[in-house]
Amino acid sequence: MEIVYAGGTRRPVWLTTPAEIEPHLVFLAVEVGNVSVTLDNMVIQGTILPPSVARFLPFEPDAIYAGVLAHPEGQAAVKVDYQAWDESYTFHTRVVGMDADGRWLLMPPRAIERGDRRIVYRHRVLGDPAFRLRLEGPWQPRGEQPFTLYDISTDGLGFLFDPVRHPLDNGEVLAGHLELGDTLNLPILLRVANSRPIKENAPERIAGARFLDLGMEHRLDLARNITVWELKRKKEAS
């Protein structure tokens, strides 16, 4: 994943004592869960579970990797990134083994970096016809249907939906295509992370979703196309 920190002015804060780290790891498992684990040149999406009796952190890769993701070799170094509210967190640790269910066991970190900045910058694109989003979900009729894109980053996107016509639950996985002008036509797989009203008493809601298994090459291609779009928009506005 291309991690770009943007916004915020405070210096990073480090959690370094057991009194700070241990309750935070419970918070991570219970209230956050979803993380990105960087191993070598791969970024793997998955879930952190509550610490084991031995205080190891079980990491469960998303089911989409089943059959294709090899277990890491012992003592493999990894980096863990995640976001909670408007805070971003990072820590470095090692894989110490596997549990009986095939989850990776991570050594508890000695320090956790906390910042007030989002892991990736989201570009507000609402109403821009250059972006076209089509998704297929658990509704009728079957097949891809158009949705209005609200914002986008190299980590995920937000889109508008009517909960009556297109009911969605957190955790829902959607397939579809994202187009940007004539230069990008990207097949995507999304997992809905949250939703919120676009405004009070409005029928539409904004769904926030993260890309699943989007390779580095596609993320870079997406980042390049978004940058070109931003530059063109600024040029036209000047």
Protein backbone atom coordinates (compact mmCIF):
# COMPACT_ATOMS: atom_id res chain seq x y z
CA MET A 1 0.00 0.00 0.00
CA GLU A 2 1.21 3.48 -0.79
CA ILE A 3 1.03 5.19 2.59
CA VAL A 4 0.82 8.96 2.37
CA TYR A 5 0.42 11.02 5.51
CA ALA A 6 -1.52 14.21 4.98
CA GLY A 7 -3.04 16.86 7.20
CA GLY A 8 -2.52 17.46 10.88
CA THR A 9 0.12 19.53 12.62
CA ARG A 10 0.90 17.71 15.86
CA ARG A 11 4.10 15.74 16.25
CA PRO A 12 3.71 11.95 16.47
CA VAL A 13 3.09 10.52 19.93
CA TRP A 14 4.75 7.26 20.99
CA LEU A 15 3.16 4.67 23.25
CA THR A 16 6.09 2.97 24.94
CA THR A 17 5.10 1.63 28.37
CA PRO A 18 3.12 -1.56 29.12
CA ALA A 19 0.50 0.61 30.82
CA GLU A 20 -0.05 2.38 27.49
CA ILE A 21 0.52 -0.47 25.02
CA GLU A 22 -1.48 -3.29 26.62
CA PRO A 23 -4.86 -1.49 26.81
CA HIS A 24 -4.25 -0.09 23.33
CA LEU A 25 -3.81 -3.61 21.91
CA VAL A 26 -7.16 -4.58 23.40
CA PHE A 27 -8.68 -1.46 21.83
CA LEU A 28 -7.06 -2.42 18.52
CA ALA A 29 -8.54 -5.92 18.60
CA VAL A 30 -12.00 -5.04 19.87
CA GLU A 31 -12.75 -1.65 18.29
CA VAL A 32 -10.49 -1.44 15.23
CA GLY A 33 -9.66 -4.95 14.10
CA ASN A 34 -8.81 -4.22 10.47
CA VAL A 35 -5.14 -3.54 9.75
CA SER A 36 -2.63 -3.57 6.90
CA VAL A 37 0.43 -5.75 7.47
CA THR A 38 3.47 -5.11 5.29
CA LEU A 39 5.64 -8.19 4.74
CA ASP A 40 8.55 -7.79 2.32
CA ASN A 41 6.92 -5.98 -0.64
CA MET A 42 3.37 -7.21 0.06
CA VAL A 43 0.62 -5.42 1.95
CA ILE A 44 -1.89 -7.84 3.42
CA GLN A 45 -5.27 -6.78 4.75
CA GLY A 46 -6.65 -8.64 7.73
CA THR A 47 -7.83 -8.53 11.32
CA ILE A 48 -6.02 -8.35 14.64
CA LEU A 49 -7.69 -10.46 17.33
CA PRO A 50 -7.42 -10.09 21.12
CA PRO A 51 -4.00 -11.02 22.55
CA SER A 52 -3.50 -14.68 23.42
CA VAL A 53 -2.66 -16.01 26.86
CA ALA A 54 1.01 -15.71 25.88
CA ARG A 55 0.33 -12.06 24.91
CA PHE A 56 0.97 -12.74 21.22
CA LEU A 57 -1.24 -10.84 18.74
CA PRO A 58 -3.14 -13.17 16.37
CA PHE A 59 -3.38 -11.72 12.86
CA GLU A 60 -5.95 -13.30 10.54
CA PRO A 61 -5.45 -12.45 6.84
CA ASP A 62 -8.66 -11.79 4.90
CA ALA A 63 -10.29 -14.88 3.42
CA ILE A 64 -9.53 -13.61 -0.08
CA TYR A 65 -5.90 -14.73 0.40
CA ALA A 66 -6.82 -18.36 1.17
CA GLY A 67 -4.80 -20.76 -0.94
CA VAL A 68 -2.48 -18.12 -2.36
CA LEU A 69 -0.79 -16.56 0.66
CA ALA A 70 2.08 -18.61 2.06
CA HIS A 71 2.76 -18.57 5.77
CA PRO A 72 5.68 -16.26 6.56
CA GLU A 73 8.94 -17.80 7.65
CA GLY A 74 9.79 -17.66 11.34
CA GLN A 75 10.81 -14.31 12.79
CA ALA A 76 9.75 -12.45 9.63
CA ALA A 77 9.73 -8.67 10.22
CA VAL A 78 6.41 -6.93 9.55
CA LYS A 79 4.95 -3.44 9.83
CA VAL A 80 1.37 -2.92 11.00
CA ASP A 81 -0.66 0.16 9.96
CA TYR A 82 -4.23 1.03 10.94
CA GLN A 83 -6.52 3.93 11.60
CA ALA A 84 -8.99 4.70 14.37
CA TRP A 85 -11.14 7.78 14.07
CA ASP A 86 -8.76 10.52 12.84
CA GLU A 87 -5.65 8.95 14.36
CA SER A 88 -3.20 6.76 12.45
CA TYR A 89 -1.02 4.14 14.11
CA THR A 90 2.09 2.18 13.11
CA PHE A 91 4.24 -0.37 14.80
CA HIS A 92 6.99 -2.78 13.80
CA THR A 93 7.15 -6.34 15.06
CA ARG A 94 7.89 -9.95 14.06
CA VAL A 95 5.93 -13.08 13.22
CA VAL A 96 6.80 -15.69 15.83
CA GLY A 97 4.67 -18.57 14.51
CA MET A 98 1.14 -19.75 13.74
CA ASP A 99 -1.72 -20.82 15.98
CA ALA A 100 -3.88 -23.92 15.45
CA ASP A 101 -6.20 -21.96 13.12
CA GLY A 102 -3.43 -20.71 10.87
CA ARG A 103 -3.39 -17.18 12.25
CA TRP A 104 -0.07 -15.39 12.36
CA LEU A 105 1.19 -14.77 15.87
CA LEU A 106 2.84 -11.37 16.20
CA MET A 107 5.18 -10.34 18.98
CA PRO A 108 3.67 -7.49 21.05
CA PRO A 109 5.26 -4.22 19.93
CA ARG A 110 7.67 -2.34 22.15
CA ALA A 111 6.40 0.99 20.83
CA ILE A 112 3.43 2.27 18.83
CA GLU A 113 3.52 5.51 16.86
CA ARG A 114 0.34 7.56 16.95
CA GLY A 115 -0.31 10.55 14.74
CA ASP A 116 -3.26 12.85 14.13
CA ARG A 117 -3.05 12.32 10.42
CA ARG A 118 -4.91 9.95 8.18
CA ILE A 119 -2.90 7.08 6.75
CA VAL A 120 -3.87 8.10 3.23
CA TYR A 121 -5.18 11.37 1.86
CA ARG A 122 -8.73 11.23 0.53
CA HIS A 123 -9.59 13.36 -2.49
CA ARG A 124 -13.10 14.80 -2.53
CA VAL A 125 -14.50 14.08 -5.99
CA LEU A 126 -18.27 14.38 -5.46
CA GLY A 127 -19.99 15.54 -8.64
CA ASP A 128 -16.97 15.22 -10.91
CA PRO A 129 -18.05 13.35 -14.08
CA ALA A 130 -14.51 12.12 -14.71
CA PHE A 131 -15.05 9.44 -12.04
CA ARG A 132 -17.44 6.56 -12.71
CA LEU A 133 -18.16 3.79 -10.23
CA ARG A 134 -20.16 0.63 -10.89
CA LEU A 135 -20.72 -2.02 -8.21
CA GLU A 136 -22.43 -5.38 -7.91
CA GLY A 137 -23.93 -6.30 -4.56
CA PRO A 138 -26.61 -8.37 -2.81
CA TRP A 139 -29.52 -6.46 -4.34
CA GLN A 140 -31.83 -6.79 -7.30
CA PRO A 141 -31.51 -6.66 -10.22
CA ARG A 142 -28.20 -8.49 -10.38
CA GLY A 143 -25.25 -6.99 -12.17
CA GLU A 144 -23.19 -3.83 -11.79
CA GLN A 145 -25.07 -0.63 -11.06
CA PRO A 146 -23.79 2.99 -11.07
CA PHE A 147 -23.02 4.81 -7.82
CA THR A 148 -21.88 8.37 -7.18
CA LEU A 149 -18.32 8.54 -5.91
CA TYR A 150 -17.85 10.78 -2.86
CA ASP A 151 -14.10 10.58 -2.20
CA ILE A 152 -11.16 8.36 -3.07
CA SER A 153 -7.65 7.43 -1.99
CA THR A 154 -5.18 4.68 -2.79
CA ASP A 155 -6.57 2.77 0.20
CA GLY A 156 -10.30 3.02 -0.47
CA LEU A 157 -13.22 5.20 -1.44
CA GLY A 158 -16.55 6.59 -0.33
CA PHE A 159 -19.76 6.43 -2.35
CA LEU A 160 -23.38 7.49 -1.99
CA PHE A 161 -26.13 4.91 -1.66
CA ASP A 162 -29.82 4.71 -0.84
CA PRO A 163 -30.28 2.18 1.98
CA VAL A 164 -33.78 1.34 0.74
CA ARG A 165 -32.71 0.48 -2.81
CA HIS A 166 -29.25 -0.78 -1.94
CA PRO A 167 -29.13 -2.06 1.67
CA LEU A 168 -25.54 -2.48 2.86
CA ASP A 169 -24.02 -3.87 6.03
CA ASN A 170 -20.58 -3.17 7.41
CA GLY A 171 -18.28 -5.92 6.21
CA GLU A 172 -20.16 -6.35 2.92
CA VAL A 173 -17.86 -7.22 0.01
CA LEU A 174 -18.65 -5.60 -3.35
CA ALA A 175 -17.10 -6.13 -6.76
CA GLY A 176 -17.15 -3.65 -9.61
CA HIS A 177 -15.20 -1.23 -11.77
CA LEU A 178 -13.73 2.21 -11.18
CA GLU A 179 -13.13 4.46 -14.17
CA LEU A 180 -11.32 7.77 -14.36
CA GLY A 181 -11.60 9.58 -17.68
CA ASP A 182 -10.33 7.52 -20.59
CA THR A 183 -7.14 6.43 -18.84
CA LEU A 184 -8.22 4.14 -16.01
CA ASN A 185 -10.63 1.21 -15.95
CA LEU A 186 -9.86 -0.69 -12.78
CA PRO A 187 -11.63 -3.85 -11.58
CA ILE A 188 -12.05 -3.49 -7.82
CA LEU A 189 -13.10 -5.47 -4.79
CA LEU A 190 -14.31 -3.44 -1.80
CA ARG A 191 -15.19 -4.17 1.79
CA VAL A 192 -17.64 -1.71 3.37
CA ALA A 193 -16.14 -0.41 6.62
CA ASN A 194 -18.75 2.13 7.74
CA SER A 195 -21.61 4.35 6.64
CA ARG A 196 -22.99 7.69 7.75
CA PRO A 197 -25.72 10.13 6.66
CA ILE A 198 -24.63 12.59 4.01
CA LYS A 199 -26.65 15.20 5.90
CA GLU A 200 -29.48 15.32 8.41
CA ASN A 201 -32.77 13.81 7.16
CA ALA A 202 -31.26 13.00 3.76
CA PRO A 203 -32.28 9.63 2.23
CA GLU A 204 -28.76 8.90 0.97
CA ARG A 205 -25.82 7.75 3.04
CA ILE A 206 -22.07 7.70 2.46
CA ALA A 207 -20.42 4.28 2.56
CA GLY A 208 -16.72 4.13 3.35
CA ALA A 209 -15.00 1.12 1.81
CA ARG A 210 -11.46 -0.21 1.51
CA PHE A 211 -9.89 -1.90 -1.47
CA LEU A 212 -9.28 -5.62 -1.03
CA ASP A 213 -6.26 -7.27 -2.65
CA LEU A 214 -5.46 -4.29 -4.86
CA GLY A 215 -1.87 -4.83 -5.95
CA MET A 216 0.88 -2.26 -5.68
CA GLU A 217 0.96 -1.76 -9.45
CA HIS A 218 -2.75 -0.94 -9.52
CA ARG A 219 -2.45 1.33 -6.48
CA LEU A 220 0.37 3.23 -8.13
CA ASP A 221 -1.63 3.45 -11.36
CA LEU A 222 -4.58 4.79 -9.39
CA ALA A 223 -2.36 7.29 -7.55
CA ARG A 224 -0.86 8.55 -10.81
CA ASN A 225 -4.28 9.01 -12.42
CA ILE A 226 -5.64 10.84 -9.37
CA THR A 227 -2.61 13.14 -9.39
CA VAL A 228 -3.14 13.94 -13.07
CA TRP A 229 -6.82 14.63 -12.36
CA GLU A 230 -5.87 16.95 -9.48
CA LEU A 231 -3.36 18.82 -11.63
CA LYS A 232 -5.87 19.24 -14.48
CA ARG A 233 -8.54 20.45 -12.07
CA LYS A 234 -6.21 23.02 -10.53
CA LYS A 235 -5.11 24.21 -13.96
CA GLU A 236 -8.70 24.65 -15.11
CA ALA A 237 -9.54 26.54 -11.91
CA SER A 238 -6.62 28.96 -12.25
